Amino acid sequence: MEQGRAVLVSAGVNETSQERQTGHHREGLVTSWRVEKLASKADWNHEGIVTVAEMFRLVADRVREETQSAQVPRYEIADGTIPLAVAP
């Protein structure tokens, strides 16, 4: 994998990406959790930065829990320290 590249897929080969109703529209669970986790500043190590590894891990865990493992996001990260957001 190239340096600086991170890939997150919403589900495995034989899984269906699930959606939820949010207000007047539907969105995928991966998108929903990704937005929520970035909004809540998913800074696991409390260093002030949300990294791609922190966000991917949280999203994958939450989607797997919400779907009782019917949907398990997969990810591959060349460099898990890639910053995504600054935590408050």
N, C-alpha and C. Protein backbone atom coordinates (compact mmCIF):
# COMPACT_ATOMS: atom_id res chain seq x y z
N MET A 1 0.85 -1.18 0.00
CA MET A 1 0.00 0.00 0.00
C MET A 1 0.89 1.24 0.00
N GLU A 2 0.47 2.24 -0.72
CA GLU A 2 1.24 3.48 -0.81
C GLU A 2 1.25 4.23 0.52
N GLN A 3 2.35 4.89 0.77
CA GLN A 3 2.46 5.70 1.98
C GLN A 3 1.42 6.82 1.94
N GLY A 4 0.75 7.05 3.07
CA GLY A 4 -0.24 8.12 3.15
C GLY A 4 -1.62 7.74 2.66
N ARG A 5 -1.82 6.48 2.30
CA ARG A 5 -3.13 6.05 1.81
C ARG A 5 -3.83 5.23 2.88
N ALA A 6 -5.12 5.47 3.01
CA ALA A 6 -5.96 4.71 3.94
C ALA A 6 -7.24 4.34 3.21
N VAL A 7 -7.65 3.08 3.35
CA VAL A 7 -8.84 2.59 2.65
C VAL A 7 -9.80 2.00 3.67
N LEU A 8 -11.05 2.42 3.62
CA LEU A 8 -12.11 1.88 4.47
C LEU A 8 -13.24 1.44 3.55
N VAL A 9 -13.62 0.18 3.64
CA VAL A 9 -14.78 -0.30 2.88
C VAL A 9 -15.88 -0.62 3.88
N SER A 10 -17.11 -0.39 3.48
CA SER A 10 -18.22 -0.47 4.42
C SER A 10 -18.61 -1.88 4.82
N ALA A 11 -18.25 -2.89 4.00
CA ALA A 11 -18.67 -4.26 4.30
C ALA A 11 -17.78 -5.24 3.56
N GLY A 12 -17.84 -6.50 3.99
CA GLY A 12 -17.10 -7.56 3.33
C GLY A 12 -17.82 -8.02 2.07
N VAL A 13 -17.20 -8.97 1.37
CA VAL A 13 -17.69 -9.45 0.08
C VAL A 13 -19.12 -9.97 0.13
N ASN A 14 -19.48 -10.73 1.13
CA ASN A 14 -20.82 -11.34 1.20
C ASN A 14 -21.73 -10.62 2.19
N GLU A 15 -21.47 -9.35 2.44
CA GLU A 15 -22.27 -8.56 3.38
C GLU A 15 -22.97 -7.43 2.65
N THR A 16 -24.05 -6.94 3.22
CA THR A 16 -24.78 -5.80 2.67
C THR A 16 -24.52 -4.59 3.55
N SER A 17 -24.19 -3.47 2.92
CA SER A 17 -24.02 -2.23 3.68
C SER A 17 -25.39 -1.73 4.10
N GLN A 18 -25.58 -1.59 5.39
CA GLN A 18 -26.88 -1.21 5.92
C GLN A 18 -27.00 0.30 6.06
N GLU A 19 -28.25 0.77 6.09
CA GLU A 19 -28.54 2.20 6.19
C GLU A 19 -29.46 2.44 7.38
N ARG A 20 -29.55 3.72 7.77
CA ARG A 20 -30.51 4.12 8.80
C ARG A 20 -31.16 5.42 8.34
N GLN A 21 -32.36 5.62 8.85
CA GLN A 21 -33.10 6.85 8.57
C GLN A 21 -32.59 7.94 9.50
N THR A 22 -32.21 9.07 8.94
CA THR A 22 -31.80 10.22 9.75
C THR A 22 -32.55 11.45 9.26
N GLY A 23 -33.55 11.84 10.02
CA GLY A 23 -34.36 12.96 9.58
C GLY A 23 -35.15 12.59 8.34
N HIS A 24 -34.93 13.35 7.25
CA HIS A 24 -35.67 13.12 6.01
C HIS A 24 -34.89 12.32 4.99
N HIS A 25 -33.75 11.78 5.37
CA HIS A 25 -32.97 11.00 4.40
C HIS A 25 -32.36 9.77 5.05
N ARG A 26 -31.85 8.88 4.21
CA ARG A 26 -31.18 7.67 4.68
C ARG A 26 -29.69 7.83 4.45
N GLU A 27 -28.90 7.26 5.35
CA GLU A 27 -27.45 7.27 5.14
C GLU A 27 -26.88 5.94 5.60
N GLY A 28 -25.76 5.58 5.02
CA GLY A 28 -25.11 4.33 5.40
C GLY A 28 -24.58 4.41 6.83
N LEU A 29 -24.53 3.25 7.49
CA LEU A 29 -24.04 3.22 8.87
C LEU A 29 -22.59 3.68 8.96
N VAL A 30 -21.76 3.31 8.00
CA VAL A 30 -20.36 3.74 8.04
C VAL A 30 -20.28 5.26 7.97
N THR A 31 -21.03 5.86 7.07
CA THR A 31 -21.05 7.32 6.96
C THR A 31 -21.57 7.95 8.24
N SER A 32 -22.65 7.41 8.75
CA SER A 32 -23.26 7.93 9.97
C SER A 32 -22.28 7.91 11.14
N TRP A 33 -21.63 6.76 11.35
CA TRP A 33 -20.68 6.65 12.46
C TRP A 33 -19.43 7.49 12.22
N ARG A 34 -18.97 7.57 10.98
CA ARG A 34 -17.78 8.36 10.69
C ARG A 34 -18.03 9.83 11.03
N VAL A 35 -19.16 10.34 10.60
CA VAL A 35 -19.50 11.73 10.88
C VAL A 35 -19.66 11.94 12.38
N GLU A 36 -20.37 11.03 13.05
CA GLU A 36 -20.57 11.16 14.49
C GLU A 36 -19.25 11.10 15.25
N LYS A 37 -18.38 10.19 14.87
CA LYS A 37 -17.10 10.05 15.58
C LYS A 37 -16.21 11.25 15.36
N LEU A 38 -16.17 11.79 14.16
CA LEU A 38 -15.36 12.99 13.94
C LEU A 38 -15.96 14.17 14.68
N ALA A 39 -17.29 14.25 14.70
CA ALA A 39 -17.95 15.34 15.42
C ALA A 39 -17.68 15.26 16.91
N SER A 40 -17.59 14.02 17.43
CA SER A 40 -17.37 13.87 18.87
C SER A 40 -15.88 13.82 19.20
N LYS A 41 -15.04 14.01 18.20
CA LYS A 41 -13.59 14.04 18.41
C LYS A 41 -13.08 12.75 19.04
N ALA A 42 -13.07 11.71 18.25
CA ALA A 42 -12.69 10.36 18.70
C ALA A 42 -11.20 10.23 18.97
N ASP A 43 -10.72 11.01 19.87
CA ASP A 43 -9.29 11.05 20.21
C ASP A 43 -8.99 10.06 21.32
N TRP A 44 -8.73 8.80 20.96
CA TRP A 44 -8.55 7.74 21.94
C TRP A 44 -7.40 7.99 22.89
N ASN A 45 -6.29 8.50 22.39
CA ASN A 45 -5.12 8.68 23.26
C ASN A 45 -5.01 10.10 23.83
N HIS A 46 -6.01 10.91 23.58
CA HIS A 46 -6.12 12.25 24.17
C HIS A 46 -4.89 13.12 23.89
N GLU A 47 -4.35 13.02 22.67
CA GLU A 47 -3.20 13.84 22.31
C GLU A 47 -3.61 15.10 21.57
N GLY A 48 -4.93 15.24 21.31
CA GLY A 48 -5.42 16.44 20.65
C GLY A 48 -5.66 16.29 19.16
N ILE A 49 -5.40 15.12 18.60
CA ILE A 49 -5.58 14.87 17.17
C ILE A 49 -6.37 13.57 16.99
N VAL A 50 -7.36 13.59 16.09
CA VAL A 50 -8.06 12.36 15.72
C VAL A 50 -7.36 11.83 14.47
N THR A 51 -6.78 10.63 14.58
CA THR A 51 -6.07 10.04 13.44
C THR A 51 -6.98 9.14 12.64
N VAL A 52 -6.54 8.81 11.43
CA VAL A 52 -7.30 7.91 10.58
C VAL A 52 -7.46 6.55 11.26
N ALA A 53 -6.45 6.06 11.96
CA ALA A 53 -6.54 4.77 12.65
C ALA A 53 -7.59 4.81 13.76
N GLU A 54 -7.63 5.89 14.52
CA GLU A 54 -8.62 6.02 15.60
C GLU A 54 -10.04 6.03 15.03
N MET A 55 -10.24 6.80 13.97
CA MET A 55 -11.57 6.90 13.38
C MET A 55 -12.00 5.58 12.76
N PHE A 56 -11.14 4.93 11.98
CA PHE A 56 -11.49 3.67 11.33
C PHE A 56 -11.82 2.61 12.37
N ARG A 57 -11.03 2.53 13.43
CA ARG A 57 -11.26 1.52 14.46
C ARG A 57 -12.61 1.72 15.14
N LEU A 58 -12.92 2.96 15.49
CA LEU A 58 -14.20 3.25 16.13
C LEU A 58 -15.37 2.97 15.21
N VAL A 59 -15.27 3.40 13.96
CA VAL A 59 -16.36 3.17 13.01
C VAL A 59 -16.60 1.68 12.81
N ALA A 60 -15.54 0.93 12.59
CA ALA A 60 -15.68 -0.52 12.37
C ALA A 60 -16.30 -1.20 13.59
N ASP A 61 -15.83 -0.83 14.78
CA ASP A 61 -16.39 -1.42 16.01
C ASP A 61 -17.87 -1.11 16.17
N ARG A 62 -18.26 0.15 15.96
CA ARG A 62 -19.65 0.55 16.17
C ARG A 62 -20.59 -0.07 15.14
N VAL A 63 -20.18 -0.12 13.87
CA VAL A 63 -21.02 -0.72 12.83
C VAL A 63 -21.17 -2.22 13.10
N ARG A 64 -20.09 -2.88 13.46
CA ARG A 64 -20.16 -4.32 13.78
C ARG A 64 -21.12 -4.55 14.95
N GLU A 65 -21.04 -3.72 16.00
CA GLU A 65 -21.94 -3.86 17.14
C GLU A 65 -23.39 -3.62 16.75
N GLU A 66 -23.63 -2.53 16.01
CA GLU A 66 -25.01 -2.16 15.65
C GLU A 66 -25.68 -3.21 14.77
N THR A 67 -24.91 -3.90 13.95
CA THR A 67 -25.48 -4.89 13.02
C THR A 67 -25.31 -6.33 13.52
N GLN A 68 -24.88 -6.49 14.77
CA GLN A 68 -24.61 -7.81 15.33
C GLN A 68 -23.71 -8.63 14.39
N SER A 69 -22.69 -7.99 13.88
CA SER A 69 -21.67 -8.57 12.99
C SER A 69 -22.19 -8.96 11.61
N ALA A 70 -23.38 -8.49 11.22
CA ALA A 70 -23.88 -8.73 9.87
C ALA A 70 -23.14 -7.86 8.86
N GLN A 71 -22.58 -6.76 9.33
CA GLN A 71 -21.79 -5.86 8.49
C GLN A 71 -20.52 -5.53 9.27
N VAL A 72 -19.38 -5.85 8.69
CA VAL A 72 -18.11 -5.59 9.35
C VAL A 72 -17.20 -4.80 8.39
N PRO A 73 -17.08 -3.48 8.61
CA PRO A 73 -16.20 -2.69 7.76
C PRO A 73 -14.75 -3.21 7.84
N ARG A 74 -14.05 -3.13 6.72
CA ARG A 74 -12.64 -3.53 6.66
C ARG A 74 -11.82 -2.29 6.37
N TYR A 75 -10.61 -2.26 6.88
CA TYR A 75 -9.74 -1.13 6.57
C TYR A 75 -8.29 -1.55 6.47
N GLU A 76 -7.55 -0.77 5.72
CA GLU A 76 -6.11 -0.95 5.57
C GLU A 76 -5.50 0.45 5.59
N ILE A 77 -4.49 0.60 6.40
CA ILE A 77 -3.89 1.92 6.59
C ILE A 77 -2.38 1.80 6.42
N ALA A 78 -1.82 2.59 5.51
CA ALA A 78 -0.37 2.59 5.32
C ALA A 78 0.30 3.32 6.49
N ASP A 79 -0.36 4.38 6.96
CA ASP A 79 0.19 5.16 8.06
C ASP A 79 -0.97 5.60 8.94
N GLY A 80 -1.14 4.94 10.08
CA GLY A 80 -2.26 5.22 10.99
C GLY A 80 -2.19 6.54 11.69
N THR A 81 -1.10 7.27 11.51
CA THR A 81 -0.97 8.57 12.19
C THR A 81 -1.48 9.73 11.36
N ILE A 82 -2.06 9.45 10.20
CA ILE A 82 -2.59 10.52 9.35
C ILE A 82 -3.66 11.27 10.14
N PRO A 83 -3.49 12.58 10.36
CA PRO A 83 -4.48 13.33 11.13
C PRO A 83 -5.74 13.61 10.32
N LEU A 84 -6.90 13.55 10.98
CA LEU A 84 -8.18 13.87 10.34
C LEU A 84 -8.82 15.11 10.92
N ALA A 85 -8.66 15.31 12.23
CA ALA A 85 -9.30 16.43 12.90
C ALA A 85 -8.53 16.80 14.16
N VAL A 86 -8.72 18.01 14.58
CA VAL A 86 -8.12 18.47 15.83
C VAL A 86 -9.19 18.34 16.91
N ALA A 87 -8.83 17.70 18.01
CA ALA A 87 -9.76 17.53 19.12
C ALA A 87 -9.75 18.78 19.99
N PRO A 88 -10.88 19.07 20.65
CA PRO A 88 -10.93 20.28 21.48
C PRO A 88 -10.04 20.16 22.70
